[in-house]
Amino acid sequence: MSIEAHASEALCCDWSHFDRNVLVTGGSDGLIRGWDLRKMRTHVFELYSGEFAVRRLACSPHSAAVLASANYDFTTRIWNLERGESAQEVNARHTEFVCGLDWNPHRTHQLADCGWDSLANVYTPQCLSGDLVV
């Protein structure tokens, strides 16, 4: 089984933790696409993160609607998949490419990202802190 995920390079992917049929891909085209493996002919959602590549994706293990992306514009973005609109939060904590990110499976909404600037950041995105959840 193969998916032509992007017109240019597909750089990353991650599985939904809540639906075994949903795969999310990110590409050098700045697009994030969601795929339902039962209907592979077209993507079920598409988000545009800007003109720079999406280097890493991480579906939240705490909420089916939350996705994080690491981008080559030195940012980490938090997305609400139910709204399917622009990023809910953009974190510019790096001075070089963000090349990795992951959710802490043991602490709700805690995210870590790392970049070419030698930094690793651990934080809870503001849009997910307290009672406010995207």
N, C-alpha and C. Protein backbone atom coordinates (compact mmCIF):
# COMPACT_ATOMS: atom_id res chain seq x y z
N MET A 1 0.84 -1.17 0.00
CA MET A 1 0.00 0.00 0.00
C MET A 1 0.89 1.24 0.00
N SER A 2 0.65 2.15 -0.90
CA SER A 2 1.41 3.39 -0.99
C SER A 2 0.46 4.56 -1.18
N ILE A 3 0.85 5.69 -0.64
CA ILE A 3 0.09 6.93 -0.79
C ILE A 3 1.00 7.96 -1.44
N GLU A 4 0.55 8.60 -2.49
CA GLU A 4 1.30 9.73 -3.03
C GLU A 4 0.93 10.92 -2.15
N ALA A 5 1.68 11.10 -1.08
CA ALA A 5 1.30 12.00 -0.01
C ALA A 5 1.48 13.48 -0.36
N HIS A 6 2.52 13.80 -1.12
CA HIS A 6 2.83 15.19 -1.45
C HIS A 6 3.39 15.26 -2.87
N ALA A 7 3.27 16.43 -3.49
CA ALA A 7 3.81 16.60 -4.84
C ALA A 7 5.33 16.59 -4.83
N SER A 8 5.91 17.05 -3.73
CA SER A 8 7.37 17.00 -3.56
C SER A 8 7.66 16.05 -2.39
N GLU A 9 8.82 16.18 -1.77
CA GLU A 9 9.24 15.22 -0.76
C GLU A 9 8.28 15.15 0.42
N ALA A 10 7.93 13.93 0.81
CA ALA A 10 7.23 13.67 2.07
C ALA A 10 8.32 13.44 3.11
N LEU A 11 8.39 14.29 4.13
CA LEU A 11 9.51 14.28 5.07
C LEU A 11 9.22 13.58 6.39
N CYS A 12 7.94 13.48 6.77
CA CYS A 12 7.64 12.90 8.07
C CYS A 12 6.21 12.37 8.09
N CYS A 13 5.94 11.53 9.07
CA CYS A 13 4.60 11.00 9.26
C CYS A 13 4.43 10.57 10.71
N ASP A 14 3.19 10.48 11.14
CA ASP A 14 2.87 9.98 12.47
C ASP A 14 1.47 9.41 12.45
N TRP A 15 1.25 8.40 13.28
CA TRP A 15 -0.06 7.77 13.41
C TRP A 15 -0.88 8.47 14.48
N SER A 16 -2.18 8.54 14.25
CA SER A 16 -3.10 8.99 15.29
C SER A 16 -3.07 7.98 16.43
N HIS A 17 -3.13 8.47 17.66
CA HIS A 17 -3.20 7.59 18.82
C HIS A 17 -4.64 7.18 19.12
N PHE A 18 -5.59 7.74 18.38
CA PHE A 18 -7.00 7.51 18.66
C PHE A 18 -7.75 6.80 17.54
N ASP A 19 -7.18 6.78 16.35
CA ASP A 19 -7.83 6.12 15.21
C ASP A 19 -6.75 5.38 14.42
N ARG A 20 -6.81 4.08 14.45
CA ARG A 20 -5.76 3.26 13.82
C ARG A 20 -5.69 3.41 12.31
N ASN A 21 -6.68 4.06 11.71
CA ASN A 21 -6.71 4.24 10.27
C ASN A 21 -6.20 5.60 9.80
N VAL A 22 -5.81 6.47 10.73
CA VAL A 22 -5.41 7.83 10.36
C VAL A 22 -3.89 7.99 10.45
N LEU A 23 -3.32 8.41 9.33
CA LEU A 23 -1.90 8.72 9.21
C LEU A 23 -1.79 10.19 8.82
N VAL A 24 -0.85 10.91 9.42
CA VAL A 24 -0.63 12.32 9.10
C VAL A 24 0.76 12.44 8.48
N THR A 25 0.87 13.19 7.37
CA THR A 25 2.16 13.37 6.70
C THR A 25 2.49 14.85 6.59
N GLY A 26 3.79 15.14 6.54
CA GLY A 26 4.27 16.51 6.34
C GLY A 26 5.29 16.52 5.22
N GLY A 27 5.31 17.61 4.47
CA GLY A 27 6.19 17.64 3.31
C GLY A 27 7.00 18.90 3.16
N SER A 28 7.89 18.87 2.18
CA SER A 28 8.72 20.03 1.87
C SER A 28 7.89 21.16 1.25
N ASP A 29 6.65 20.86 0.89
CA ASP A 29 5.73 21.85 0.34
C ASP A 29 5.05 22.69 1.42
N GLY A 30 5.36 22.44 2.70
CA GLY A 30 4.73 23.17 3.80
C GLY A 30 3.35 22.67 4.16
N LEU A 31 2.94 21.56 3.56
CA LEU A 31 1.61 21.02 3.82
C LEU A 31 1.65 19.89 4.84
N ILE A 32 0.57 19.81 5.62
CA ILE A 32 0.32 18.70 6.52
C ILE A 32 -0.97 18.07 6.04
N ARG A 33 -0.94 16.78 5.78
CA ARG A 33 -2.13 16.11 5.27
C ARG A 33 -2.48 14.91 6.15
N GLY A 34 -3.78 14.73 6.34
CA GLY A 34 -4.28 13.57 7.07
C GLY A 34 -4.90 12.59 6.10
N TRP A 35 -4.62 11.32 6.35
CA TRP A 35 -5.08 10.25 5.46
C TRP A 35 -5.85 9.21 6.24
N ASP A 36 -7.00 8.82 5.73
CA ASP A 36 -7.75 7.69 6.28
C ASP A 36 -7.43 6.50 5.39
N LEU A 37 -6.79 5.50 5.94
CA LEU A 37 -6.33 4.37 5.12
C LEU A 37 -7.46 3.61 4.46
N ARG A 38 -8.69 3.81 4.91
CA ARG A 38 -9.84 3.17 4.26
C ARG A 38 -10.25 3.91 3.00
N LYS A 39 -9.81 5.19 2.85
CA LYS A 39 -10.16 6.03 1.70
C LYS A 39 -8.90 6.73 1.21
N MET A 40 -7.98 6.01 0.68
CA MET A 40 -6.65 6.54 0.40
C MET A 40 -6.54 7.41 -0.85
N ARG A 41 -7.55 7.55 -1.61
CA ARG A 41 -7.41 8.29 -2.87
C ARG A 41 -7.21 9.78 -2.67
N THR A 42 -7.70 10.31 -1.57
CA THR A 42 -7.52 11.73 -1.29
C THR A 42 -7.35 11.94 0.21
N HIS A 43 -6.69 13.02 0.56
CA HIS A 43 -6.49 13.31 1.98
C HIS A 43 -7.81 13.77 2.61
N VAL A 44 -7.95 13.53 3.92
CA VAL A 44 -9.16 13.92 4.62
C VAL A 44 -9.04 15.31 5.24
N PHE A 45 -7.82 15.80 5.40
CA PHE A 45 -7.63 17.20 5.78
C PHE A 45 -6.27 17.66 5.28
N GLU A 46 -6.16 18.98 5.15
CA GLU A 46 -4.91 19.59 4.71
C GLU A 46 -4.72 20.91 5.46
N LEU A 47 -3.53 21.10 6.01
CA LEU A 47 -3.17 22.32 6.72
C LEU A 47 -1.93 22.90 6.05
N TYR A 48 -1.87 24.21 5.98
CA TYR A 48 -0.71 24.87 5.38
C TYR A 48 0.10 25.54 6.47
N SER A 49 1.35 25.13 6.63
CA SER A 49 2.18 25.67 7.71
C SER A 49 3.09 26.80 7.23
N GLY A 50 3.01 27.15 5.98
CA GLY A 50 3.85 28.22 5.45
C GLY A 50 4.74 27.71 4.34
N GLU A 51 5.63 28.57 3.88
CA GLU A 51 6.44 28.23 2.72
C GLU A 51 7.59 27.28 3.03
N PHE A 52 7.88 27.04 4.30
CA PHE A 52 8.99 26.16 4.66
C PHE A 52 8.52 24.75 4.96
N ALA A 53 9.43 23.81 4.86
CA ALA A 53 9.12 22.39 5.03
C ALA A 53 8.66 22.05 6.44
N VAL A 54 7.82 21.03 6.52
CA VAL A 54 7.41 20.43 7.78
C VAL A 54 8.36 19.27 8.03
N ARG A 55 9.16 19.36 9.07
CA ARG A 55 10.22 18.38 9.32
C ARG A 55 9.80 17.24 10.22
N ARG A 56 8.86 17.50 11.14
CA ARG A 56 8.46 16.47 12.08
C ARG A 56 7.03 16.72 12.51
N LEU A 57 6.27 15.65 12.74
CA LEU A 57 4.90 15.72 13.23
C LEU A 57 4.76 14.85 14.46
N ALA A 58 3.87 15.26 15.37
CA ALA A 58 3.59 14.45 16.55
C ALA A 58 2.11 14.61 16.90
N CYS A 59 1.36 13.52 16.73
CA CYS A 59 -0.03 13.50 17.16
C CYS A 59 -0.06 13.38 18.68
N SER A 60 -0.91 14.16 19.31
CA SER A 60 -0.98 14.12 20.77
C SER A 60 -1.54 12.79 21.26
N PRO A 61 -0.94 12.22 22.31
CA PRO A 61 -1.51 11.02 22.91
C PRO A 61 -2.64 11.36 23.88
N HIS A 62 -2.91 12.67 24.08
CA HIS A 62 -3.89 13.11 25.07
C HIS A 62 -5.17 13.65 24.45
N SER A 63 -5.14 14.02 23.17
CA SER A 63 -6.31 14.58 22.50
C SER A 63 -6.24 14.26 21.01
N ALA A 64 -7.31 13.70 20.49
CA ALA A 64 -7.36 13.35 19.07
C ALA A 64 -7.30 14.59 18.18
N ALA A 65 -7.66 15.75 18.72
CA ALA A 65 -7.72 16.97 17.91
C ALA A 65 -6.41 17.74 17.86
N VAL A 66 -5.40 17.34 18.63
CA VAL A 66 -4.18 18.14 18.75
C VAL A 66 -3.02 17.49 18.00
N LEU A 67 -2.33 18.31 17.22
CA LEU A 67 -1.16 17.89 16.45
C LEU A 67 -0.08 18.96 16.61
N ALA A 68 1.16 18.53 16.73
CA ALA A 68 2.29 19.47 16.76
C ALA A 68 3.13 19.24 15.51
N SER A 69 3.69 20.33 14.98
CA SER A 69 4.59 20.22 13.83
C SER A 69 5.87 21.01 14.09
N ALA A 70 6.98 20.46 13.64
CA ALA A 70 8.27 21.16 13.67
C ALA A 70 8.56 21.58 12.24
N ASN A 71 8.93 22.86 12.08
CA ASN A 71 9.04 23.43 10.75
C ASN A 71 10.41 24.04 10.51
N TYR A 72 10.79 24.12 9.25
CA TYR A 72 12.09 24.69 8.90
C TYR A 72 12.12 26.21 8.95
N ASP A 73 11.08 26.84 9.47
CA ASP A 73 11.12 28.28 9.72
C ASP A 73 11.47 28.56 11.18
N PHE A 74 12.05 27.57 11.87
CA PHE A 74 12.51 27.64 13.26
C PHE A 74 11.37 27.63 14.26
N THR A 75 10.19 27.16 13.87
CA THR A 75 9.03 27.17 14.77
C THR A 75 8.49 25.77 15.03
N THR A 76 7.76 25.69 16.14
CA THR A 76 6.92 24.54 16.45
C THR A 76 5.49 25.08 16.48
N ARG A 77 4.58 24.38 15.81
CA ARG A 77 3.20 24.84 15.72
C ARG A 77 2.26 23.82 16.34
N ILE A 78 1.21 24.32 16.97
CA ILE A 78 0.18 23.49 17.57
C ILE A 78 -1.09 23.69 16.75
N TRP A 79 -1.67 22.58 16.30
CA TRP A 79 -2.83 22.61 15.41
C TRP A 79 -4.05 21.98 16.09
N ASN A 80 -5.23 22.49 15.76
CA ASN A 80 -6.49 21.89 16.17
C ASN A 80 -7.09 21.23 14.93
N LEU A 81 -7.07 19.92 14.90
CA LEU A 81 -7.53 19.20 13.71
C LEU A 81 -9.04 19.27 13.53
N GLU A 82 -9.78 19.50 14.60
CA GLU A 82 -11.24 19.63 14.47
C GLU A 82 -11.61 20.93 13.77
N ARG A 83 -10.84 21.97 14.00
CA ARG A 83 -11.13 23.27 13.37
C ARG A 83 -10.54 23.35 11.97
N GLY A 84 -9.44 22.64 11.75
CA GLY A 84 -8.84 22.60 10.42
C GLY A 84 -8.45 23.96 9.87
N GLU A 85 -7.92 24.80 10.72
CA GLU A 85 -7.56 26.15 10.30
C GLU A 85 -6.11 26.41 10.62
N SER A 86 -5.74 27.67 10.66
CA SER A 86 -4.34 28.02 10.94
C SER A 86 -3.93 27.55 12.33
N ALA A 87 -2.64 27.50 12.54
CA ALA A 87 -2.10 27.00 13.80
C ALA A 87 -2.68 27.79 14.98
N GLN A 88 -2.99 27.08 16.05
CA GLN A 88 -3.51 27.71 17.26
C GLN A 88 -2.41 28.43 18.03
N GLU A 89 -1.18 27.96 17.84
CA GLU A 89 -0.05 28.57 18.53
C GLU A 89 1.20 28.34 17.70
N VAL A 90 2.06 29.34 17.64
CA VAL A 90 3.34 29.23 16.96
C VAL A 90 4.42 29.59 17.97
N ASN A 91 5.31 28.66 18.25
CA ASN A 91 6.40 28.88 19.20
C ASN A 91 7.70 29.06 18.45
N ALA A 92 8.32 30.21 18.65
CA ALA A 92 9.59 30.52 18.00
C ALA A 92 10.69 30.52 19.05
N ARG A 93 10.99 29.36 19.60
CA ARG A 93 11.98 29.24 20.67
C ARG A 93 13.37 28.90 20.14
N HIS A 94 13.49 28.66 18.84
CA HIS A 94 14.76 28.23 18.27
C HIS A 94 15.33 29.28 17.33
N THR A 95 16.65 29.22 17.14
CA THR A 95 17.34 30.11 16.20
C THR A 95 17.85 29.35 14.98
N GLU A 96 17.53 28.08 14.92
CA GLU A 96 17.87 27.21 13.78
C GLU A 96 16.69 26.26 13.54
N PHE A 97 16.84 25.36 12.56
CA PHE A 97 15.78 24.41 12.23
C PHE A 97 15.35 23.61 13.45
N VAL A 98 14.04 23.44 13.60
CA VAL A 98 13.50 22.52 14.60
C VAL A 98 13.43 21.16 13.91
N CYS A 99 14.12 20.19 14.46
CA CYS A 99 14.21 18.90 13.77
C CYS A 99 13.57 17.75 14.53
N GLY A 100 13.11 17.98 15.75
CA GLY A 100 12.47 16.90 16.49
C GLY A 100 11.46 17.44 17.48
N LEU A 101 10.44 16.65 17.75
CA LEU A 101 9.49 16.97 18.80
C LEU A 101 8.74 15.72 19.20
N ASP A 102 8.26 15.72 20.44
CA ASP A 102 7.50 14.58 20.94
C ASP A 102 6.69 15.02 22.15
N TRP A 103 5.51 14.41 22.30
CA TRP A 103 4.67 14.64 23.46
C TRP A 103 5.12 13.72 24.58
N ASN A 104 5.04 14.22 25.81
CA ASN A 104 5.31 13.39 26.98
C ASN A 104 4.08 12.52 27.22
N PRO A 105 4.20 11.20 27.14
CA PRO A 105 3.02 10.35 27.34
C PRO A 105 2.55 10.32 28.79
N HIS A 106 3.37 10.83 29.71
CA HIS A 106 3.05 10.76 31.14
C HIS A 106 2.53 12.07 31.72
N ARG A 107 2.70 13.18 31.01
CA ARG A 107 2.22 14.48 31.47
C ARG A 107 1.36 15.11 30.38
N THR A 108 0.12 15.35 30.70
CA THR A 108 -0.84 15.85 29.72
C THR A 108 -0.36 17.15 29.08
N HIS A 109 -0.31 17.16 27.77
CA HIS A 109 0.02 18.32 26.93
C HIS A 109 1.44 18.85 27.09
N GLN A 110 2.35 18.09 27.70
CA GLN A 110 3.74 18.54 27.78
C GLN A 110 4.46 18.11 26.50
N LEU A 111 5.17 19.05 25.90
CA LEU A 111 5.82 18.85 24.62
C LEU A 111 7.31 19.15 24.75
N ALA A 112 8.12 18.40 24.04
CA ALA A 112 9.55 18.69 23.94
C ALA A 112 9.88 18.87 22.47
N ASP A 113 10.74 19.85 22.17
CA ASP A 113 11.25 20.00 20.81
C ASP A 113 12.75 20.26 20.88
N CYS A 114 13.43 20.00 19.77
CA CYS A 114 14.87 20.22 19.72
C CYS A 114 15.24 20.72 18.33
N GLY A 115 16.40 21.39 18.27
CA GLY A 115 16.78 21.98 17.00
C GLY A 115 18.27 21.98 16.75
N TRP A 116 18.63 22.46 15.58
CA TRP A 116 20.04 22.55 15.17
C TRP A 116 20.81 23.56 16.01
N ASP A 117 20.11 24.35 16.81
CA ASP A 117 20.77 25.33 17.67
C ASP A 117 21.24 24.72 19.00
N SER A 118 21.19 23.40 19.10
CA SER A 118 21.64 22.64 20.27
C SER A 118 20.68 22.71 21.45
N LEU A 119 19.51 23.29 21.28
CA LEU A 119 18.56 23.43 22.37
C LEU A 119 17.48 22.36 22.33
N ALA A 120 17.08 21.91 23.51
CA ALA A 120 15.89 21.09 23.69
C ALA A 120 14.99 21.86 24.65
N ASN A 121 13.76 22.10 24.25
CA ASN A 121 12.79 22.83 25.07
C ASN A 121 11.71 21.87 25.54
N VAL A 122 11.32 21.98 26.81
CA VAL A 122 10.22 21.20 27.37
C VAL A 122 9.21 22.21 27.91
N TYR A 123 7.96 22.12 27.45
CA TYR A 123 6.96 23.11 27.84
C TYR A 123 5.56 22.60 27.55
N THR A 124 4.58 23.29 28.12
CA THR A 124 3.18 23.07 27.80
C THR A 124 2.73 24.26 26.96
N PRO A 125 2.32 24.04 25.72
CA PRO A 125 1.88 25.17 24.89
C PRO A 125 0.77 25.97 25.59
N GLN A 126 0.83 27.28 25.47
CA GLN A 126 -0.14 28.14 26.15
C GLN A 126 -1.58 27.80 25.76
N CYS A 127 -1.80 27.45 24.52
CA CYS A 127 -3.17 27.15 24.08
C CYS A 127 -3.70 25.85 24.69
N LEU A 128 -2.83 25.07 25.34
CA LEU A 128 -3.25 23.83 25.98
C LEU A 128 -3.14 23.87 27.49
N SER A 129 -2.68 24.97 28.05
CA SER A 129 -2.49 25.04 29.50
C SER A 129 -3.79 25.39 30.22
N GLY A 130 -3.87 24.98 31.46
CA GLY A 130 -5.05 25.28 32.28
C GLY A 130 -6.31 24.69 31.70
N ASP A 131 -7.39 25.46 31.76
CA ASP A 131 -8.68 24.99 31.28
C ASP A 131 -8.87 25.22 29.79
N LEU A 132 -7.97 26.00 29.19
CA LEU A 132 -8.08 26.30 27.77
C LEU A 132 -7.45 25.18 26.96
N VAL A 133 -8.25 24.49 26.20
CA VAL A 133 -7.76 23.42 25.34
C VAL A 133 -8.28 23.67 23.94
N VAL A 134 -7.37 23.63 22.95
CA VAL A 134 -7.79 23.88 21.57
C VAL A 134 -8.84 22.89 21.13
